[in-house]
Amino acid sequence: MKKMRRRKYQRGQGGQALLEFLIVTSMILTFTFIFVQLAWGIAYAHYVHYATYMASRAYLSGGATIGDQADSAAEVLRTMLKRPSGKDLFPFIAKARTGDDRDAKGAEPVPGGAIGFHSEASGDAKSKSRAFSWAEGVQYNFNLKLFLLPISTFIVKDGQGKTITPGSPGAPAKSVEWKGAIPFTSDSFLGRDPNHGDCLKFMVRMSAEFGIGRGDQKDFIEDNGC
């Protein structure tokens, strides 16, 4: 009788030890995955900031037309943040945020990228205002994954989590479903140097106003500023 009780007790002890081992192991793995994902996310976010800054520098540099400047910035984003196939560089860490009318426009758009004036300075009057002359550059919108666990998709599905999107004068903040990812925006506004076409138009107009020439490009001597 005593032997049977001892065996049951030992089995209970063994089952409890196994359960405790599984619980502790799961907790350790969970925190390890969270810290690894957080470290990857921070490192990738810094890389995105660098890529956005380099694209903004490309947009700042002069070109033949404003389209050439935008193409240069888009090419930097494609080279640094996309694969040759056009997909995100590290989709398991972060994905480009699209569908919000802020993607780059052009023959080969860059998902997540926005090139030109800031959204709050997109109006024609504001874009020509000196007060908003700084607000021209490059933005990149992406969603950073918070967890690297298969179970996370089941935890946050069906709109159980909510987040507040940042608002603007034209689009107020609103609550949206949270699916285990945090929206981020990296931006760099360095302005834009006048391109060759802008410079020619300006010099031709100035020469006509001062009576230097006929006011056309045929009678125009190019300055080193163009």
C-alpha atoms as a PDB file:
ATOM      1  CA  MET A   1       0.000   0.000   0.000  1.00  0.00           C
ATOM      2  CA  LYS A   2       2.789   2.344   0.953  1.00  0.00           C
ATOM      3  CA  LYS A   3       4.689   1.437  -2.228  1.00  0.00           C
ATOM      4  CA  MET A   4       1.672   2.312  -4.399  1.00  0.00           C
ATOM      5  CA  ARG A   5       1.290   5.677  -2.693  1.00  0.00           C
ATOM      6  CA  ARG A   6       4.996   6.324  -3.134  1.00  0.00           C
ATOM      7  CA  ARG A   7       4.782   5.518  -6.856  1.00  0.00           C
ATOM      8  CA  LYS A   8       1.793   7.836  -7.326  1.00  0.00           C
ATOM      9  CA  TYR A   9       3.630  10.561  -5.444  1.00  0.00           C
ATOM     10  CA  GLN A  10       6.716  10.103  -7.602  1.00  0.00           C
ATOM     11  CA  ARG A  11       4.616  10.211 -10.786  1.00  0.00           C
ATOM     12  CA  GLY A  12       2.954  13.385  -9.567  1.00  0.00           C
ATOM     13  CA  GLN A  13       6.341  14.888  -8.804  1.00  0.00           C
ATOM     14  CA  GLY A  14       7.609  13.943 -12.265  1.00  0.00           C
ATOM     15  CA  GLY A  15       4.570  15.417 -13.997  1.00  0.00           C
ATOM     16  CA  GLN A  16       4.829  18.640 -12.011  1.00  0.00           C
ATOM     17  CA  ALA A  17       8.545  18.950 -12.799  1.00  0.00           C
ATOM     18  CA  LEU A  18       7.860  18.464 -16.513  1.00  0.00           C
ATOM     19  CA  LEU A  19       5.098  21.076 -16.433  1.00  0.00           C
ATOM     20  CA  GLU A  20       7.319  23.573 -14.630  1.00  0.00           C
ATOM     21  CA  PHE A  21      10.112  22.913 -17.125  1.00  0.00           C
ATOM     22  CA  LEU A  22       7.801  23.575 -20.080  1.00  0.00           C
ATOM     23  CA  ILE A  23       6.428  26.774 -18.527  1.00  0.00           C
ATOM     24  CA  VAL A  24       9.871  28.163 -17.698  1.00  0.00           C
ATOM     25  CA  THR A  25      11.252  27.200 -21.118  1.00  0.00           C
ATOM     26  CA  SER A  26       8.301  28.849 -22.883  1.00  0.00           C
ATOM     27  CA  MET A  27       8.777  32.055 -20.891  1.00  0.00           C
ATOM     28  CA  ILE A  28      12.506  32.142 -21.617  1.00  0.00           C
ATOM     29  CA  LEU A  29      11.962  31.551 -25.340  1.00  0.00           C
ATOM     30  CA  THR A  30       9.196  34.162 -25.445  1.00  0.00           C
ATOM     31  CA  PHE A  31      11.342  36.877 -23.885  1.00  0.00           C
ATOM     32  CA  THR A  32      14.301  35.841 -26.027  1.00  0.00           C
ATOM     33  CA  PHE A  33      12.248  36.140 -29.222  1.00  0.00           C
ATOM     34  CA  ILE A  34      10.862  39.509 -28.105  1.00  0.00           C
ATOM     35  CA  PHE A  35      14.318  40.931 -27.382  1.00  0.00           C
ATOM     36  CA  VAL A  36      15.738  39.550 -30.629  1.00  0.00           C
ATOM     37  CA  GLN A  37      12.855  41.036 -32.622  1.00  0.00           C
ATOM     38  CA  LEU A  38      13.202  44.350 -30.789  1.00  0.00           C
ATOM     39  CA  ALA A  39      16.934  44.464 -31.493  1.00  0.00           C
ATOM     40  CA  TRP A  40      16.387  43.655 -35.165  1.00  0.00           C
ATOM     41  CA  GLY A  41      13.642  46.255 -35.369  1.00  0.00           C
ATOM     42  CA  ILE A  42      15.761  49.018 -33.837  1.00  0.00           C
ATOM     43  CA  ALA A  43      18.713  48.182 -36.082  1.00  0.00           C
ATOM     44  CA  TYR A  44      16.537  48.097 -39.215  1.00  0.00           C
ATOM     45  CA  ALA A  45      14.772  51.349 -38.262  1.00  0.00           C
ATOM     46  CA  HIS A  46      18.153  53.091 -38.014  1.00  0.00           C
ATOM     47  CA  TYR A  47      19.048  51.687 -41.420  1.00  0.00           C
ATOM     48  CA  VAL A  48      15.776  53.030 -42.846  1.00  0.00           C
ATOM     49  CA  HIS A  49      16.603  56.469 -41.416  1.00  0.00           C
ATOM     50  CA  TYR A  50      19.975  56.338 -43.154  1.00  0.00           C
ATOM     51  CA  ALA A  51      18.409  55.241 -46.452  1.00  0.00           C
ATOM     52  CA  THR A  52      15.805  58.008 -46.237  1.00  0.00           C
ATOM     53  CA  TYR A  53      18.507  60.585 -45.585  1.00  0.00           C
ATOM     54  CA  MET A  54      20.571  59.391 -48.550  1.00  0.00           C
ATOM     55  CA  ALA A  55      17.479  59.491 -50.781  1.00  0.00           C
ATOM     56  CA  SER A  56      16.773  63.026 -49.583  1.00  0.00           C
ATOM     57  CA  ARG A  57      20.330  64.019 -50.499  1.00  0.00           C
ATOM     58  CA  ALA A  58      19.796  62.586 -53.972  1.00  0.00           C
ATOM     59  CA  TYR A  59      16.565  64.593 -54.262  1.00  0.00           C
ATOM     60  CA  LEU A  60      18.391  67.725 -53.085  1.00  0.00           C
ATOM     61  CA  SER A  61      21.015  67.495 -55.816  1.00  0.00           C
ATOM     62  CA  GLY A  62      20.317  69.351 -59.022  1.00  0.00           C
ATOM     63  CA  GLY A  63      19.281  67.639 -62.241  1.00  0.00           C
ATOM     64  CA  ALA A  64      17.896  68.410 -65.659  1.00  0.00           C
ATOM     65  CA  THR A  65      14.291  68.422 -64.388  1.00  0.00           C
ATOM     66  CA  ILE A  66      12.412  67.852 -61.151  1.00  0.00           C
ATOM     67  CA  GLY A  67      11.517  64.410 -62.476  1.00  0.00           C
ATOM     68  CA  ASP A  68      15.212  63.514 -62.634  1.00  0.00           C
ATOM     69  CA  GLN A  69      15.634  64.569 -59.013  1.00  0.00           C
ATOM     70  CA  ALA A  70      12.670  62.442 -57.923  1.00  0.00           C
ATOM     71  CA  ASP A  71      13.958  59.480 -59.953  1.00  0.00           C
ATOM     72  CA  SER A  72      17.341  59.752 -58.248  1.00  0.00           C
ATOM     73  CA  ALA A  73      15.701  59.640 -54.814  1.00  0.00           C
ATOM     74  CA  ALA A  74      13.494  56.702 -55.815  1.00  0.00           C
ATOM     75  CA  GLU A  75      16.514  54.802 -57.114  1.00  0.00           C
ATOM     76  CA  VAL A  76      18.261  55.203 -53.749  1.00  0.00           C
ATOM     77  CA  LEU A  77      15.192  53.849 -51.931  1.00  0.00           C
ATOM     78  CA  ARG A  78      14.945  50.904 -54.322  1.00  0.00           C
ATOM     79  CA  THR A  79      18.641  50.092 -53.975  1.00  0.00           C
ATOM     80  CA  MET A  80      18.803  50.295 -50.181  1.00  0.00           C
ATOM     81  CA  LEU A  81      15.359  49.106 -49.036  1.00  0.00           C
ATOM     82  CA  LYS A  82      14.181  46.707 -51.749  1.00  0.00           C
ATOM     83  CA  ARG A  83      15.341  43.478 -53.322  1.00  0.00           C
ATOM     84  CA  PRO A  84      15.938  43.214 -57.087  1.00  0.00           C
ATOM     85  CA  SER A  85      12.470  41.654 -57.349  1.00  0.00           C
ATOM     86  CA  GLY A  86      10.944  44.796 -55.812  1.00  0.00           C
ATOM     87  CA  LYS A  87       9.961  43.154 -52.521  1.00  0.00           C
ATOM     88  CA  ASP A  88      10.967  44.479 -49.100  1.00  0.00           C
ATOM     89  CA  LEU A  89      14.550  43.849 -48.032  1.00  0.00           C
ATOM     90  CA  PHE A  90      13.645  42.179 -44.702  1.00  0.00           C
ATOM     91  CA  PRO A  91       9.890  41.482 -44.710  1.00  0.00           C
ATOM     92  CA  PHE A  92      10.148  39.327 -41.579  1.00  0.00           C
ATOM     93  CA  ILE A  93      11.277  42.436 -39.657  1.00  0.00           C
ATOM     94  CA  ALA A  94       9.313  45.240 -41.317  1.00  0.00           C
ATOM     95  CA  LYS A  95       7.106  45.767 -44.362  1.00  0.00           C
ATOM     96  CA  ALA A  96       6.428  48.908 -46.349  1.00  0.00           C
ATOM     97  CA  ARG A  97       3.169  50.654 -45.471  1.00  0.00           C
ATOM     98  CA  THR A  98       1.176  51.328 -48.622  1.00  0.00           C
ATOM     99  CA  GLY A  99      -2.332  52.288 -49.654  1.00  0.00           C
ATOM    100  CA  ASP A 100      -2.429  55.637 -47.855  1.00  0.00           C
ATOM    101  CA  ASP A 101      -1.823  57.805 -50.956  1.00  0.00           C
ATOM    102  CA  ARG A 102       1.706  58.577 -49.780  1.00  0.00           C
ATOM    103  CA  ASP A 103       3.604  56.220 -52.062  1.00  0.00           C
ATOM    104  CA  ALA A 104       6.048  57.691 -54.519  1.00  0.00           C
ATOM    105  CA  LYS A 105       4.475  58.530 -57.858  1.00  0.00           C
ATOM    106  CA  GLY A 106       6.293  57.732 -61.072  1.00  0.00           C
ATOM    107  CA  ALA A 107       6.954  55.118 -63.718  1.00  0.00           C
ATOM    108  CA  GLU A 108       8.437  52.775 -61.099  1.00  0.00           C
ATOM    109  CA  PRO A 109       6.914  53.664 -57.725  1.00  0.00           C
ATOM    110  CA  VAL A 110       8.629  52.597 -54.522  1.00  0.00           C
ATOM    111  CA  PRO A 111       6.134  51.001 -52.098  1.00  0.00           C
ATOM    112  CA  GLY A 112       6.165  52.961 -48.847  1.00  0.00           C
ATOM    113  CA  GLY A 113       8.123  55.899 -50.254  1.00  0.00           C
ATOM    114  CA  ALA A 114       6.848  59.464 -50.637  1.00  0.00           C
ATOM    115  CA  ILE A 115       8.956  62.001 -52.520  1.00  0.00           C
ATOM    116  CA  GLY A 116       8.213  65.718 -52.689  1.00  0.00           C
ATOM    117  CA  PHE A 117       6.450  68.090 -50.318  1.00  0.00           C
ATOM    118  CA  HIS A 118       5.356  67.118 -46.830  1.00  0.00           C
ATOM    119  CA  SER A 119       1.689  66.139 -46.599  1.00  0.00           C
ATOM    120  CA  GLU A 120       0.904  69.284 -44.585  1.00  0.00           C
ATOM    121  CA  ALA A 121       2.520  71.452 -47.263  1.00  0.00           C
ATOM    122  CA  SER A 122       1.074  69.716 -50.318  1.00  0.00           C
ATOM    123  CA  GLY A 123      -1.307  72.542 -51.201  1.00  0.00           C
ATOM    124  CA  ASP A 124      -0.301  74.657 -54.190  1.00  0.00           C
ATOM    125  CA  ALA A 125      -0.234  77.892 -52.179  1.00  0.00           C
ATOM    126  CA  LYS A 126       1.747  76.339 -49.333  1.00  0.00           C
ATOM    127  CA  SER A 127       4.221  74.612 -51.625  1.00  0.00           C
ATOM    128  CA  LYS A 128       5.095  77.981 -53.177  1.00  0.00           C
ATOM    129  CA  SER A 129       5.298  79.716 -49.803  1.00  0.00           C
ATOM    130  CA  ARG A 130       8.725  80.484 -48.360  1.00  0.00           C
ATOM    131  CA  ALA A 131       7.520  79.260 -44.960  1.00  0.00           C
ATOM    132  CA  PHE A 132       7.152  75.737 -46.387  1.00  0.00           C
ATOM    133  CA  SER A 133      10.252  75.757 -48.576  1.00  0.00           C
ATOM    134  CA  TRP A 134      11.972  73.417 -46.096  1.00  0.00           C
ATOM    135  CA  ALA A 135       9.216  70.783 -46.257  1.00  0.00           C
ATOM    136  CA  GLU A 136      10.457  69.051 -49.384  1.00  0.00           C
ATOM    137  CA  GLY A 137      12.270  65.759 -49.276  1.00  0.00           C
ATOM    138  CA  VAL A 138      11.656  62.040 -48.788  1.00  0.00           C
ATOM    139  CA  GLN A 139       9.441  59.961 -46.498  1.00  0.00           C
ATOM    140  CA  TYR A 140       9.351  56.195 -46.034  1.00  0.00           C
ATOM    141  CA  ASN A 141       6.430  54.509 -44.279  1.00  0.00           C
ATOM    142  CA  PHE A 142       6.771  51.016 -42.832  1.00  0.00           C
ATOM    143  CA  ASN A 143       5.234  48.678 -40.264  1.00  0.00           C
ATOM    144  CA  LEU A 144       7.596  47.216 -37.697  1.00  0.00           C
ATOM    145  CA  LYS A 145       6.648  43.793 -36.354  1.00  0.00           C
ATOM    146  CA  LEU A 146       6.511  43.635 -32.578  1.00  0.00           C
ATOM    147  CA  PHE A 147       6.706  39.870 -32.092  1.00  0.00           C
ATOM    148  CA  LEU A 148       8.523  37.030 -33.776  1.00  0.00           C
ATOM    149  CA  LEU A 149       6.144  34.337 -32.556  1.00  0.00           C
ATOM    150  CA  PRO A 150       3.643  32.300 -34.589  1.00  0.00           C
ATOM    151  CA  ILE A 151       1.129  32.597 -31.745  1.00  0.00           C
ATOM    152  CA  SER A 152       1.145  36.402 -31.976  1.00  0.00           C
ATOM    153  CA  THR A 153      -1.080  36.350 -35.073  1.00  0.00           C
ATOM    154  CA  PHE A 154      -3.759  34.526 -33.096  1.00  0.00           C
ATOM    155  CA  ILE A 155      -3.438  36.863 -30.114  1.00  0.00           C
ATOM    156  CA  VAL A 156      -4.044  40.070 -32.055  1.00  0.00           C
ATOM    157  CA  LYS A 157      -6.371  38.950 -34.852  1.00  0.00           C
ATOM    158  CA  ASP A 158     -10.030  39.967 -35.253  1.00  0.00           C
ATOM    159  CA  GLY A 159      -9.342  43.523 -34.114  1.00  0.00           C
ATOM    160  CA  GLN A 160      -8.736  42.655 -30.477  1.00  0.00           C
ATOM    161  CA  GLY A 161      -5.934  45.202 -30.381  1.00  0.00           C
ATOM    162  CA  LYS A 162      -6.407  48.851 -31.282  1.00  0.00           C
ATOM    163  CA  THR A 163      -3.986  51.641 -32.063  1.00  0.00           C
ATOM    164  CA  ILE A 164      -4.394  55.332 -32.839  1.00  0.00           C
ATOM    165  CA  THR A 165      -2.986  56.610 -36.106  1.00  0.00           C
ATOM    166  CA  PRO A 166      -1.343  60.052 -35.975  1.00  0.00           C
ATOM    167  CA  GLY A 167      -3.586  62.722 -37.424  1.00  0.00           C
ATOM    168  CA  SER A 168      -3.030  65.838 -39.498  1.00  0.00           C
ATOM    169  CA  PRO A 169      -5.148  68.895 -40.344  1.00  0.00           C
ATOM    170  CA  GLY A 170      -6.440  67.132 -43.440  1.00  0.00           C
ATOM    171  CA  ALA A 171      -6.872  63.673 -41.901  1.00  0.00           C
ATOM    172  CA  PRO A 172      -7.822  63.438 -38.207  1.00  0.00           C
ATOM    173  CA  ALA A 173      -6.544  60.597 -36.038  1.00  0.00           C
ATOM    174  CA  LYS A 174      -8.575  57.405 -36.022  1.00  0.00           C
ATOM    175  CA  SER A 175      -8.572  54.007 -34.339  1.00  0.00           C
ATOM    176  CA  VAL A 176      -7.541  51.061 -36.488  1.00  0.00           C
ATOM    177  CA  GLU A 177      -6.967  47.355 -35.945  1.00  0.00           C
ATOM    178  CA  TRP A 178      -3.609  46.409 -34.516  1.00  0.00           C
ATOM    179  CA  LYS A 179      -2.144  43.268 -36.102  1.00  0.00           C
ATOM    180  CA  GLY A 180       1.106  42.932 -34.205  1.00  0.00           C
ATOM    181  CA  ALA A 181       2.895  45.734 -36.093  1.00  0.00           C
ATOM    182  CA  ILE A 182       3.641  49.355 -35.208  1.00  0.00           C
ATOM    183  CA  PRO A 183       3.470  52.010 -37.973  1.00  0.00           C
ATOM    184  CA  PHE A 184       6.578  54.163 -38.384  1.00  0.00           C
ATOM    185  CA  THR A 185       7.485  57.012 -40.700  1.00  0.00           C
ATOM    186  CA  SER A 186      11.045  58.015 -41.483  1.00  0.00           C
ATOM    187  CA  ASP A 187      11.467  61.393 -43.136  1.00  0.00           C
ATOM    188  CA  SER A 188      14.251  63.711 -44.198  1.00  0.00           C
ATOM    189  CA  PHE A 189      13.500  67.188 -45.532  1.00  0.00           C
ATOM    190  CA  LEU A 190      16.623  68.829 -46.930  1.00  0.00           C
ATOM    191  CA  GLY A 191      14.826  70.878 -49.563  1.00  0.00           C
ATOM    192  CA  ARG A 192      15.534  70.737 -53.288  1.00  0.00           C
ATOM    193  CA  ASP A 193      18.122  72.638 -55.285  1.00  0.00           C
ATOM    194  CA  PRO A 194      16.825  74.349 -58.449  1.00  0.00           C
ATOM    195  CA  ASN A 195      17.200  72.023 -61.407  1.00  0.00           C
ATOM    196  CA  HIS A 196      18.656  73.065 -64.733  1.00  0.00           C
ATOM    197  CA  GLY A 197      15.247  73.820 -66.216  1.00  0.00           C
ATOM    198  CA  ASP A 198      14.203  75.992 -63.252  1.00  0.00           C
ATOM    199  CA  CYS A 199      17.486  77.867 -63.416  1.00  0.00           C
ATOM    200  CA  LEU A 200      17.133  78.540 -67.130  1.00  0.00           C
ATOM    201  CA  LYS A 201      13.589  79.867 -66.694  1.00  0.00           C
ATOM    202  CA  PHE A 202      14.680  82.119 -63.844  1.00  0.00           C
ATOM    203  CA  MET A 203      17.701  83.525 -65.699  1.00  0.00           C
ATOM    204  CA  VAL A 204      15.689  84.088 -68.874  1.00  0.00           C
ATOM    205  CA  ARG A 205      12.989  85.923 -66.909  1.00  0.00           C
ATOM    206  CA  MET A 206      15.558  88.057 -65.096  1.00  0.00           C
ATOM    207  CA  SER A 207      17.391  88.911 -68.330  1.00  0.00           C
ATOM    208  CA  ALA A 208      14.104  90.018 -69.885  1.00  0.00           C
ATOM    209  CA  GLU A 209      13.175  92.160 -66.864  1.00  0.00           C
ATOM    210  CA  PHE A 210      16.559  93.897 -66.854  1.00  0.00           C
ATOM    211  CA  GLY A 211      16.577  94.294 -70.629  1.00  0.00           C
ATOM    212  CA  ILE A 212      19.779  92.321 -71.063  1.00  0.00           C
ATOM    213  CA  GLY A 213      18.524  90.278 -74.013  1.00  0.00           C
ATOM    214  CA  ARG A 214      15.427  89.262 -75.903  1.00  0.00           C
ATOM    215  CA  GLY A 215      14.260  87.130 -72.996  1.00  0.00           C
ATOM    216  CA  ASP A 216      14.658  83.760 -74.658  1.00  0.00           C
ATOM    217  CA  GLN A 217      17.141  80.952 -74.325  1.00  0.00           C
ATOM    218  CA  LYS A 218      18.787  81.694 -77.671  1.00  0.00           C
ATOM    219  CA  ASP A 219      20.217  84.929 -76.286  1.00  0.00           C
ATOM    220  CA  PHE A 220      21.083  83.438 -72.894  1.00  0.00           C
ATOM    221  CA  ILE A 221      24.628  82.896 -71.635  1.00  0.00           C
ATOM    222  CA  GLU A 222      24.669  80.058 -69.124  1.00  0.00           C
ATOM    223  CA  ASP A 223      25.895  80.914 -65.653  1.00  0.00           C
ATOM    224  CA  ASN A 224      27.791  78.436 -63.495  1.00  0.00           C
ATOM    225  CA  GLY A 225      24.682  78.347 -61.295  1.00  0.00           C
ATOM    226  CA  CYS A 226      22.910  76.412 -64.041  1.00  0.00           C
END
